[in-house]
C-alpha atoms as a PDB file:
ATOM      1  CA  LEU A   1     182.089 136.307 242.945  1.00  0.00           C
ATOM      2  CA  CYS A   2     180.359 138.713 240.913  1.00  0.00           C
ATOM      3  CA  ASP A   3     178.938 140.147 244.259  1.00  0.00           C
ATOM      4  CA  ALA A   4     182.759 140.327 245.909  1.00  0.00           C
ATOM      5  CA  ILE A   5     183.729 142.013 242.175  1.00  0.00           C
ATOM      6  CA  LYS A   6     180.855 144.555 243.059  1.00  0.00           C
ATOM      7  CA  TRP A   7     183.283 145.880 245.928  1.00  0.00           C
ATOM      8  CA  ILE A   8     185.229 146.966 243.075  1.00  0.00           C
ATOM      9  CA  VAL A   9     184.432 147.633 240.089  1.00  0.00           C
ATOM     10  CA  GLU A  10     180.591 147.886 238.741  1.00  0.00           C
ATOM     11  CA  PRO A  11     180.961 144.699 236.412  1.00  0.00           C
ATOM     12  CA  GLN A  12     178.238 146.374 234.003  1.00  0.00           C
ATOM     13  CA  LYS A  13     180.774 149.342 233.060  1.00  0.00           C
ATOM     14  CA  LEU A  14     184.238 147.303 232.449  1.00  0.00           C
ATOM     15  CA  ALA A  15     185.715 147.400 228.940  1.00  0.00           C
ATOM     16  CA  GLU A  16     185.543 143.869 229.088  1.00  0.00           C
ATOM     17  CA  PHE A  17     184.086 140.648 230.999  1.00  0.00           C
ATOM     18  CA  ALA A  18     185.802 137.386 230.253  1.00  0.00           C
ATOM     19  CA  MET A  19     184.524 133.482 231.160  1.00  0.00           C
ATOM     20  CA  GLU A  20     186.230 130.123 230.727  1.00  0.00           C
ATOM     21  CA  ILE A  21     184.176 127.618 230.253  1.00  0.00           C
ATOM     22  CA  ASP A  22     184.182 124.505 229.734  1.00  0.00           C
ATOM     23  CA  PRO A  23     181.198 123.408 227.214  1.00  0.00           C
ATOM     24  CA  ARG A  24     180.576 119.997 228.941  1.00  0.00           C
ATOM     25  CA  THR A  25     179.251 122.121 232.456  1.00  0.00           C
ATOM     26  CA  VAL A  26     177.007 124.504 231.014  1.00  0.00           C
ATOM     27  CA  SER A  27     173.536 124.848 229.194  1.00  0.00           C
ATOM     28  CA  GLN A  28     171.968 128.233 227.809  1.00  0.00           C
ATOM     29  CA  ASP A  29     170.287 129.323 230.635  1.00  0.00           C
ATOM     30  CA  GLN A  30     173.533 128.827 232.333  1.00  0.00           C
ATOM     31  CA  LEU A  31     174.901 131.060 229.702  1.00  0.00           C
ATOM     32  CA  ARG A  32     172.438 133.413 229.779  1.00  0.00           C
ATOM     33  CA  HIS A  33     172.776 133.898 233.312  1.00  0.00           C
ATOM     34  CA  TYR A  34     176.593 135.120 232.900  1.00  0.00           C
ATOM     35  CA  ALA A  35     175.615 137.952 230.679  1.00  0.00           C
ATOM     36  CA  SER A  36     172.978 139.269 233.041  1.00  0.00           C
ATOM     37  CA  HIS A  37     175.702 138.894 235.616  1.00  0.00           C
ATOM     38  CA  GLY A  38     177.973 141.702 233.071  1.00  0.00           C
ATOM     39  CA  VAL A  39     180.010 138.869 232.006  1.00  0.00           C
ATOM     40  CA  THR A  40     180.872 140.168 227.988  1.00  0.00           C
ATOM     41  CA  ARG A  41     183.261 136.930 226.184  1.00  0.00           C
ATOM     42  CA  ILE A  42     182.960 133.550 226.763  1.00  0.00           C
ATOM     43  CA  SER A  43     186.486 131.012 226.143  1.00  0.00           C
ATOM     44  CA  PHE A  44     185.557 127.328 225.647  1.00  0.00           C
ATOM     45  CA  GLY A  45     188.724 124.591 225.804  1.00  0.00           C
ATOM     46  CA  VAL A  46     187.354 122.628 222.483  1.00  0.00           C
ATOM     47  CA  GLN A  47     191.023 121.544 222.103  1.00  0.00           C
ATOM     48  CA  ASP A  48     189.920 119.099 219.105  1.00  0.00           C
ATOM     49  CA  PHE A  49     186.478 117.988 217.574  1.00  0.00           C
ATOM     50  CA  ASP A  50     187.547 114.575 216.351  1.00  0.00           C
ATOM     51  CA  LEU A  51     185.798 112.170 218.690  1.00  0.00           C
ATOM     52  CA  LYS A  52     189.396 109.627 219.079  1.00  0.00           C
ATOM     53  CA  VAL A  53     191.551 112.486 220.059  1.00  0.00           C
ATOM     54  CA  GLN A  54     188.553 114.061 222.405  1.00  0.00           C
ATOM     55  CA  GLU A  55     188.607 110.357 223.906  1.00  0.00           C
ATOM     56  CA  ALA A  56     192.483 109.782 223.978  1.00  0.00           C
ATOM     57  CA  ILE A  57     192.329 113.375 226.291  1.00  0.00           C
ATOM     58  CA  ASN A  58     189.688 112.494 228.118  1.00  0.00           C
ATOM     59  CA  ARG A  59     187.228 114.944 227.142  1.00  0.00           C
ATOM     60  CA  VAL A  60     184.482 113.942 224.737  1.00  0.00           C
ATOM     61  CA  GLN A  61     182.691 117.181 224.114  1.00  0.00           C
ATOM     62  CA  PRO A  62     181.136 116.552 220.773  1.00  0.00           C
ATOM     63  CA  PRO A  63     180.678 119.535 218.120  1.00  0.00           C
ATOM     64  CA  GLU A  64     177.299 119.788 218.493  1.00  0.00           C
ATOM     65  CA  MET A  65     177.563 119.846 221.609  1.00  0.00           C
ATOM     66  CA  ILE A  66     178.645 123.776 220.903  1.00  0.00           C
ATOM     67  CA  GLU A  67     177.128 124.556 218.464  1.00  0.00           C
ATOM     68  CA  ALA A  68     174.105 124.274 220.428  1.00  0.00           C
ATOM     69  CA  LEU A  69     175.424 126.319 223.365  1.00  0.00           C
ATOM     70  CA  LEU A  70     176.849 128.982 220.815  1.00  0.00           C
ATOM     71  CA  GLU A  71     172.660 129.719 219.325  1.00  0.00           C
ATOM     72  CA  VAL A  72     173.538 132.274 222.757  1.00  0.00           C
ATOM     73  CA  ARG A  73     176.279 133.551 221.422  1.00  0.00           C
ATOM     74  CA  SER A  74     174.629 136.664 220.434  1.00  0.00           C
ATOM     75  CA  LEU A  75     174.471 138.055 224.083  1.00  0.00           C
ATOM     76  CA  PHE A  76     177.760 138.280 224.360  1.00  0.00           C
ATOM     77  CA  ALA A  77     180.388 140.546 222.371  1.00  0.00           C
ATOM     78  CA  GLY A  78     183.196 137.660 221.504  1.00  0.00           C
ATOM     79  CA  VAL A  79     183.524 133.915 221.194  1.00  0.00           C
ATOM     80  CA  ASN A  80     187.357 132.317 221.908  1.00  0.00           C
ATOM     81  CA  PHE A  81     188.575 128.497 221.158  1.00  0.00           C
ATOM     82  CA  ASP A  82     191.711 127.138 222.470  1.00  0.00           C
ATOM     83  CA  LEU A  83     192.423 124.610 219.952  1.00  0.00           C
ATOM     84  CA  LEU A  84     196.039 122.420 220.117  1.00  0.00           C
ATOM     85  CA  TYR A  85     197.732 120.441 218.173  1.00  0.00           C
ATOM     86  CA  GLY A  86     200.269 117.529 219.230  1.00  0.00           C
ATOM     87  CA  LEU A  87     197.371 115.455 221.029  1.00  0.00           C
ATOM     88  CA  PRO A  88     197.686 111.667 221.226  1.00  0.00           C
ATOM     89  CA  LEU A  89     195.684 110.286 218.197  1.00  0.00           C
ATOM     90  CA  GLN A  90     196.260 113.815 215.526  1.00  0.00           C
ATOM     91  CA  THR A  91     197.106 113.695 212.531  1.00  0.00           C
ATOM     92  CA  MET A  92     196.362 115.774 209.770  1.00  0.00           C
ATOM     93  CA  ASP A  93     193.378 115.003 208.567  1.00  0.00           C
ATOM     94  CA  THR A  94     191.999 114.947 212.285  1.00  0.00           C
ATOM     95  CA  ILE A  95     193.536 118.621 212.313  1.00  0.00           C
ATOM     96  CA  ALA A  96     191.861 119.963 208.883  1.00  0.00           C
ATOM     97  CA  SER A  97     188.981 118.443 209.835  1.00  0.00           C
ATOM     98  CA  THR A  98     188.975 120.124 212.999  1.00  0.00           C
ATOM     99  CA  VAL A  99     189.953 123.427 211.579  1.00  0.00           C
ATOM    100  CA  ALA A 100     187.196 123.244 209.215  1.00  0.00           C
ATOM    101  CA  ARG A 101     184.638 122.966 211.416  1.00  0.00           C
ATOM    102  CA  THR A 102     186.083 126.025 213.510  1.00  0.00           C
ATOM    103  CA  ILE A 103     185.931 128.334 210.463  1.00  0.00           C
ATOM    104  CA  LYS A 104     182.335 127.534 210.151  1.00  0.00           C
ATOM    105  CA  ILE A 105     181.736 128.368 213.707  1.00  0.00           C
ATOM    106  CA  ALA A 106     183.652 131.785 213.195  1.00  0.00           C
ATOM    107  CA  PRO A 107     184.504 132.028 216.800  1.00  0.00           C
ATOM    108  CA  ASN A 108     185.376 135.909 217.131  1.00  0.00           C
ATOM    109  CA  ARG A 109     189.312 134.542 218.153  1.00  0.00           C
ATOM    110  CA  ILE A 110     191.015 131.302 218.191  1.00  0.00           C
ATOM    111  CA  THR A 111     194.023 130.448 220.124  1.00  0.00           C
ATOM    112  CA  LEU A 112     196.021 128.177 218.845  1.00  0.00           C
ATOM    113  CA  LEU A 113     198.613 126.246 221.980  1.00  0.00           C
ATOM    114  CA  LYS A 114     201.039 123.334 221.275  1.00  0.00           C
ATOM    115  CA  TYR A 115     200.493 120.488 223.861  1.00  0.00           C
ATOM    116  CA  CYS A 116     202.926 119.885 226.514  1.00  0.00           C
ATOM    117  CA  HIS A 117     202.768 116.753 228.113  1.00  0.00           C
ATOM    118  CA  ALA A 118     204.189 117.141 231.493  1.00  0.00           C
ATOM    119  CA  PRO A 119     202.666 114.274 233.510  1.00  0.00           C
ATOM    120  CA  GLU A 120     205.419 115.024 235.890  1.00  0.00           C
ATOM    121  CA  VAL A 121     203.803 118.119 237.030  1.00  0.00           C
ATOM    122  CA  ARG A 122     200.884 117.883 235.810  1.00  0.00           C
ATOM    123  CA  ALA A 123     199.383 114.137 237.801  1.00  0.00           C
ATOM    124  CA  HIS A 124     196.716 114.049 235.213  1.00  0.00           C
ATOM    125  CA  MET A 125     198.486 113.802 232.162  1.00  0.00           C
ATOM    126  CA  LYS A 126     199.568 109.960 232.772  1.00  0.00           C
ATOM    127  CA  LEU A 127     195.871 109.267 231.712  1.00  0.00           C
ATOM    128  CA  ILE A 128     196.921 109.270 228.592  1.00  0.00           C
ATOM    129  CA  ASP A 129     199.323 107.017 226.432  1.00  0.00           C
ATOM    130  CA  GLU A 130     202.738 108.602 225.641  1.00  0.00           C
ATOM    131  CA  SER A 131     203.068 106.728 222.388  1.00  0.00           C
ATOM    132  CA  GLN A 132     199.661 108.160 220.796  1.00  0.00           C
ATOM    133  CA  LEU A 133     201.370 111.135 220.638  1.00  0.00           C
ATOM    134  CA  PRO A 134     201.960 112.855 217.513  1.00  0.00           C
ATOM    135  CA  ALA A 135     206.055 112.958 216.205  1.00  0.00           C
ATOM    136  CA  LYS A 136     207.211 115.619 216.801  1.00  0.00           C
ATOM    137  CA  GLU A 137     208.895 116.273 213.920  1.00  0.00           C
ATOM    138  CA  THR A 138     205.268 116.267 212.347  1.00  0.00           C
ATOM    139  CA  LEU A 139     204.377 119.504 215.211  1.00  0.00           C
ATOM    140  CA  GLN A 140     205.619 122.400 212.883  1.00  0.00           C
ATOM    141  CA  GLY A 141     203.433 121.285 209.700  1.00  0.00           C
ATOM    142  CA  MET A 142     200.536 121.173 211.879  1.00  0.00           C
ATOM    143  CA  PHE A 143     201.277 124.824 213.400  1.00  0.00           C
ATOM    144  CA  ASP A 144     201.780 125.621 209.989  1.00  0.00           C
ATOM    145  CA  PHE A 145     198.772 124.145 208.087  1.00  0.00           C
ATOM    146  CA  ILE A 146     196.361 125.731 210.509  1.00  0.00           C
ATOM    147  CA  VAL A 147     197.743 129.171 210.358  1.00  0.00           C
ATOM    148  CA  LYS A 148     197.972 128.801 206.815  1.00  0.00           C
ATOM    149  CA  GLU A 149     193.889 127.869 206.794  1.00  0.00           C
ATOM    150  CA  LEU A 150     192.583 130.487 209.698  1.00  0.00           C
ATOM    151  CA  LEU A 151     194.667 133.401 206.941  1.00  0.00           C
ATOM    152  CA  ALA A 152     192.743 132.283 204.530  1.00  0.00           C
ATOM    153  CA  ALA A 153     189.867 131.998 206.048  1.00  0.00           C
ATOM    154  CA  GLY A 154     190.020 136.042 206.784  1.00  0.00           C
ATOM    155  CA  TYR A 155     191.047 135.726 210.552  1.00  0.00           C
ATOM    156  CA  VAL A 156     194.135 138.376 211.930  1.00  0.00           C
ATOM    157  CA  TRP A 157     197.408 136.867 212.659  1.00  0.00           C
ATOM    158  CA  ILE A 158     198.271 138.117 216.484  1.00  0.00           C
ATOM    159  CA  GLY A 159     201.756 137.382 217.919  1.00  0.00           C
ATOM    160  CA  LEU A 160     202.757 133.608 217.891  1.00  0.00           C
ATOM    161  CA  ASP A 161     199.350 132.025 217.934  1.00  0.00           C
ATOM    162  CA  HIS A 162     196.302 134.392 218.788  1.00  0.00           C
ATOM    163  CA  PHE A 163     193.838 134.894 215.872  1.00  0.00           C
ATOM    164  CA  ALA A 164     191.093 137.687 215.563  1.00  0.00           C
ATOM    165  CA  LEU A 165     188.366 138.112 212.657  1.00  0.00           C
ATOM    166  CA  PRO A 166     189.306 141.479 211.815  1.00  0.00           C
ATOM    167  CA  ASN A 167     186.565 143.126 213.472  1.00  0.00           C
ATOM    168  CA  ASP A 168     187.295 142.105 217.077  1.00  0.00           C
ATOM    169  CA  SER A 169     189.258 144.645 218.905  1.00  0.00           C
ATOM    170  CA  LEU A 170     192.438 142.116 219.142  1.00  0.00           C
ATOM    171  CA  ALA A 171     192.277 142.292 215.424  1.00  0.00           C
ATOM    172  CA  ILE A 172     191.552 146.090 215.734  1.00  0.00           C
ATOM    173  CA  ALA A 173     194.563 146.464 218.525  1.00  0.00           C
ATOM    174  CA  ALA A 174     197.261 144.494 215.822  1.00  0.00           C
ATOM    175  CA  ARG A 175     196.451 146.715 212.992  1.00  0.00           C
ATOM    176  CA  ASP A 176     196.865 149.976 215.936  1.00  0.00           C
ATOM    177  CA  GLY A 177     199.401 148.859 216.957  1.00  0.00           C
ATOM    178  CA  THR A 178     198.599 148.636 220.884  1.00  0.00           C
ATOM    179  CA  VAL A 179     198.592 144.904 221.398  1.00  0.00           C
ATOM    180  CA  GLY A 180     198.733 143.333 225.045  1.00  0.00           C
ATOM    181  CA  ARG A 181     200.894 140.304 226.413  1.00  0.00           C
ATOM    182  CA  THR A 182     199.831 138.716 229.653  1.00  0.00           C
ATOM    183  CA  PHE A 183     200.130 135.597 231.742  1.00  0.00           C
ATOM    184  CA  ASN A 184     197.136 134.760 229.978  1.00  0.00           C
ATOM    185  CA  GLY A 185     197.787 135.973 226.145  1.00  0.00           C
ATOM    186  CA  PHE A 186     197.691 138.538 223.924  1.00  0.00           C
ATOM    187  CA  THR A 187     195.559 141.519 225.050  1.00  0.00           C
ATOM    188  CA  PRO A 188     194.369 144.114 223.437  1.00  0.00           C
ATOM    189  CA  GLY A 189     196.435 146.192 225.345  1.00  0.00           C
ATOM    190  CA  ARG A 190     194.440 148.091 227.239  1.00  0.00           C
ATOM    191  CA  VAL A 191     195.756 147.321 230.980  1.00  0.00           C
ATOM    192  CA  ARG A 192     199.849 146.460 232.094  1.00  0.00           C
ATOM    193  CA  ASP A 193     199.067 145.470 235.919  1.00  0.00           C
ATOM    194  CA  MET A 194     196.819 141.908 236.230  1.00  0.00           C
ATOM    195  CA  ILE A 195     195.193 140.908 240.253  1.00  0.00           C
ATOM    196  CA  GLY A 196     195.158 136.948 239.905  1.00  0.00           C
ATOM    197  CA  LEU A 197     191.886 135.805 242.096  1.00  0.00           C
ATOM    198  CA  GLY A 198     191.488 132.036 243.200  1.00  0.00           C
ATOM    199  CA  PRO A 199     193.991 129.326 243.198  1.00  0.00           C
ATOM    200  CA  THR A 200     196.917 129.021 240.919  1.00  0.00           C
ATOM    201  CA  SER A 201     196.160 132.236 239.148  1.00  0.00           C
ATOM    202  CA  THR A 202     198.814 135.011 238.491  1.00  0.00           C
ATOM    203  CA  GLY A 203     199.401 138.181 238.764  1.00  0.00           C
ATOM    204  CA  ALA A 204     201.278 141.242 237.606  1.00  0.00           C
ATOM    205  CA  PHE A 205     201.533 144.619 239.291  1.00  0.00           C
ATOM    206  CA  GLY A 206     203.948 146.905 238.303  1.00  0.00           C
ATOM    207  CA  THR A 207     207.307 144.918 238.241  1.00  0.00           C
ATOM    208  CA  THR A 208     206.861 142.243 240.508  1.00  0.00           C
ATOM    209  CA  TYR A 209     204.917 139.115 238.993  1.00  0.00           C
ATOM    210  CA  ALA A 210     203.203 136.178 241.757  1.00  0.00           C
ATOM    211  CA  GLN A 211     201.207 133.148 241.142  1.00  0.00           C
ATOM    212  CA  ALA A 212     199.069 131.042 243.909  1.00  0.00           C
ATOM    213  CA  GLU A 213     198.593 128.027 245.770  1.00  0.00           C
ATOM    214  CA  TYR A 214     197.779 124.762 243.899  1.00  0.00           C
ATOM    215  CA  ASP A 215     196.904 122.987 246.514  1.00  0.00           C
ATOM    216  CA  LEU A 216     193.281 125.129 247.611  1.00  0.00           C
ATOM    217  CA  LYS A 217     194.069 123.171 251.522  1.00  0.00           C
ATOM    218  CA  LYS A 218     197.293 125.588 251.194  1.00  0.00           C
ATOM    219  CA  TYR A 219     195.135 128.400 249.240  1.00  0.00           C
ATOM    220  CA  TYR A 220     192.675 128.717 252.089  1.00  0.00           C
ATOM    221  CA  ALA A 221     194.766 128.240 254.601  1.00  0.00           C
ATOM    222  CA  ALA A 222     195.954 131.413 253.771  1.00  0.00           C
ATOM    223  CA  ILE A 223     193.105 133.336 253.375  1.00  0.00           C
ATOM    224  CA  ASP A 224     191.896 132.068 257.036  1.00  0.00           C
ATOM    225  CA  LYS A 225     195.489 133.960 258.589  1.00  0.00           C
ATOM    226  CA  GLY A 226     194.626 136.791 255.967  1.00  0.00           C
ATOM    227  CA  GLU A 227     197.842 135.867 253.842  1.00  0.00           C
ATOM    228  CA  PHE A 228     197.766 136.810 250.684  1.00  0.00           C
ATOM    229  CA  PRO A 229     198.404 132.918 248.933  1.00  0.00           C
ATOM    230  CA  ILE A 230     201.251 133.448 247.436  1.00  0.00           C
ATOM    231  CA  LEU A 231     203.162 130.089 245.811  1.00  0.00           C
ATOM    232  CA  ARG A 232     205.993 131.789 243.910  1.00  0.00           C
ATOM    233  CA  GLY A 233     207.026 135.701 242.791  1.00  0.00           C
ATOM    234  CA  TYR A 234     209.470 137.379 241.167  1.00  0.00           C
ATOM    235  CA  THR A 235     210.395 141.578 241.325  1.00  0.00           C
ATOM    236  CA  LEU A 236     212.074 142.255 237.883  1.00  0.00           C
ATOM    237  CA  SER A 237     216.148 143.952 237.629  1.00  0.00           C
ATOM    238  CA  HIS A 238     216.553 146.695 236.228  1.00  0.00           C
ATOM    239  CA  ASP A 239     217.237 144.273 232.899  1.00  0.00           C
ATOM    240  CA  ASP A 240     214.717 142.181 232.925  1.00  0.00           C
ATOM    241  CA  GLU A 241     212.549 145.891 232.405  1.00  0.00           C
ATOM    242  CA  ILE A 242     214.766 146.556 230.086  1.00  0.00           C
ATOM    243  CA  ARG A 243     214.490 142.931 228.067  1.00  0.00           C
ATOM    244  CA  ARG A 244     210.878 142.311 229.230  1.00  0.00           C
ATOM    245  CA  ASP A 245     210.315 146.061 226.223  1.00  0.00           C
ATOM    246  CA  VAL A 246     211.679 144.494 223.731  1.00  0.00           C
ATOM    247  CA  VAL A 247     210.284 140.850 223.926  1.00  0.00           C
ATOM    248  CA  PHE A 248     206.885 142.429 224.458  1.00  0.00           C
ATOM    249  CA  SER A 249     207.153 144.481 221.244  1.00  0.00           C
ATOM    250  CA  LEU A 250     208.467 141.311 219.597  1.00  0.00           C
ATOM    251  CA  MET A 251     205.751 138.684 220.602  1.00  0.00           C
ATOM    252  CA  CYS A 252     203.267 141.711 220.138  1.00  0.00           C
ATOM    253  CA  ASN A 253     204.315 143.558 216.869  1.00  0.00           C
ATOM    254  CA  GLN A 254     206.957 141.275 215.794  1.00  0.00           C
ATOM    255  CA  ARG A 255     209.126 144.168 215.473  1.00  0.00           C
ATOM    256  CA  VAL A 256     211.143 146.046 218.322  1.00  0.00           C
ATOM    257  CA  ASP A 257     212.884 149.796 218.183  1.00  0.00           C
ATOM    258  CA  PHE A 258     215.481 149.801 219.710  1.00  0.00           C
ATOM    259  CA  ASN A 259     216.154 153.321 219.651  1.00  0.00           C
ATOM    260  CA  GLU A 260     213.375 154.290 221.467  1.00  0.00           C
ATOM    261  CA  ILE A 261     214.529 151.525 224.246  1.00  0.00           C
ATOM    262  CA  GLY A 262     218.133 153.132 224.148  1.00  0.00           C
ATOM    263  CA  ASN A 263     216.213 156.625 224.601  1.00  0.00           C
ATOM    264  CA  LYS A 264     213.649 155.479 227.672  1.00  0.00           C
ATOM    265  CA  TYR A 265     216.283 153.490 229.292  1.00  0.00           C
ATOM    266  CA  ASP A 266     219.462 155.760 228.739  1.00  0.00           C
ATOM    267  CA  ILE A 267     221.539 152.427 227.196  1.00  0.00           C
ATOM    268  CA  ALA A 268     223.455 151.869 223.833  1.00  0.00           C
ATOM    269  CA  PRO A 269     221.427 149.010 222.317  1.00  0.00           C
ATOM    270  CA  GLU A 270     223.461 148.640 219.966  1.00  0.00           C
ATOM    271  CA  ILE A 271     226.031 147.735 222.473  1.00  0.00           C
ATOM    272  CA  TYR A 272     223.836 146.877 225.811  1.00  0.00           C
ATOM    273  CA  PHE A 273     222.265 143.948 222.796  1.00  0.00           C
ATOM    274  CA  GLU A 274     225.886 143.670 220.718  1.00  0.00           C
ATOM    275  CA  ARG A 275     225.942 139.519 220.795  1.00  0.00           C
ATOM    276  CA  GLU A 276     222.371 139.491 220.914  1.00  0.00           C
ATOM    277  CA  LEU A 277     222.374 141.398 217.424  1.00  0.00           C
ATOM    278  CA  MET A 278     226.018 139.478 215.946  1.00  0.00           C
ATOM    279  CA  ASP A 279     223.726 136.168 216.596  1.00  0.00           C
ATOM    280  CA  PHE A 280     220.430 138.025 214.886  1.00  0.00           C
ATOM    281  CA  ASP A 281     219.621 135.386 211.395  1.00  0.00           C
ATOM    282  CA  PRO A 282     219.398 137.721 208.942  1.00  0.00           C
ATOM    283  CA  ASP A 283     217.130 135.013 207.178  1.00  0.00           C
ATOM    284  CA  LEU A 284     214.101 135.658 209.950  1.00  0.00           C
ATOM    285  CA  GLY A 285     213.854 139.549 209.206  1.00  0.00           C
ATOM    286  CA  TRP A 286     216.132 142.620 209.367  1.00  0.00           C
ATOM    287  CA  LEU A 287     217.578 145.623 210.815  1.00  0.00           C
ATOM    288  CA  GLU A 288     218.010 149.279 210.116  1.00  0.00           C
ATOM    289  CA  ASP A 289     218.657 152.198 211.582  1.00  0.00           C
ATOM    290  CA  GLY A 290     217.969 150.900 214.852  1.00  0.00           C
ATOM    291  CA  LEU A 291     214.110 149.044 213.962  1.00  0.00           C
ATOM    292  CA  LEU A 292     214.416 145.085 213.463  1.00  0.00           C
ATOM    293  CA  GLN A 293     211.765 143.450 212.220  1.00  0.00           C
ATOM    294  CA  LEU A 294     210.930 140.543 211.324  1.00  0.00           C
ATOM    295  CA  ASN A 295     209.688 138.672 208.227  1.00  0.00           C
ATOM    296  CA  GLU A 296     207.117 135.837 208.300  1.00  0.00           C
ATOM    297  CA  GLN A 297     209.836 132.919 208.758  1.00  0.00           C
ATOM    298  CA  GLY A 298     210.608 134.888 211.990  1.00  0.00           C
ATOM    299  CA  ARG A 299     207.768 135.197 213.061  1.00  0.00           C
ATOM    300  CA  ILE A 300     207.547 131.236 213.139  1.00  0.00           C
ATOM    301  CA  TYR A 301     210.806 131.120 215.535  1.00  0.00           C
ATOM    302  CA  LEU A 302     209.168 133.913 217.572  1.00  0.00           C
ATOM    303  CA  ARG A 303     209.971 132.179 221.460  1.00  0.00           C
ATOM    304  CA  ASN A 304     213.383 131.329 219.907  1.00  0.00           C
ATOM    305  CA  ILE A 305     214.509 134.678 219.028  1.00  0.00           C
END
């Protein structure tokens, strides 16, 4: 794959070359191999460190395994962890233990995601015992606790669910107001367009979005025919473009300057967004001179806003 990428760009010259890795499938030697090919950032799907929770989701990976792998972390500019809340058998105690262990390991970035149980879409989720899922009313408390602990440990809160150490490029982008948003989450904002390679991959180019086939046979059949293996796609309308700018600004910076939006798209924002602005809850932020700024409570309800 790296040899093929070299047809387009030299990996060692990239600002960042990140790789998502299942820690159960690699060794220190393999991590050294990836680094030698230009990989600068690795991401582990940790999810949870509690053994019983790991057994319940069929993903047993002891924290000692991950800590041993990270003995070679100096080869990389950054390490990411994905943490999930809402998993079967999770409690506030197991969450507290996982967060404490994570803070001790100190990954450069953390993505905090709510587990979405959708067995009708993802067949492997049928193996999970739904009776073991925590009550929905406990999920907000889990999220709030994790956020509080990470902030106390010195992490910078990015967008809704990303966290970074102060010297990480994502935290620096947050201070500079340049954070970007892609299918994969929040980024330092260096690029907006994205080309997806491989099954299920997503791409965004200008105003067009696309997702590749999930099914391997269909994916390779399209490749063999010399066709793009696109499962579905969408091209934004003019209204979509305007709203994307507003949504991304809120998601990335928790604020939106409607004066800039109005000038960019030649609209009167107070009329264009009249209904939305009338519905906005003043407990979640304030609007003054065309600038909408969310407060901490508003940040928690970002998706709803």
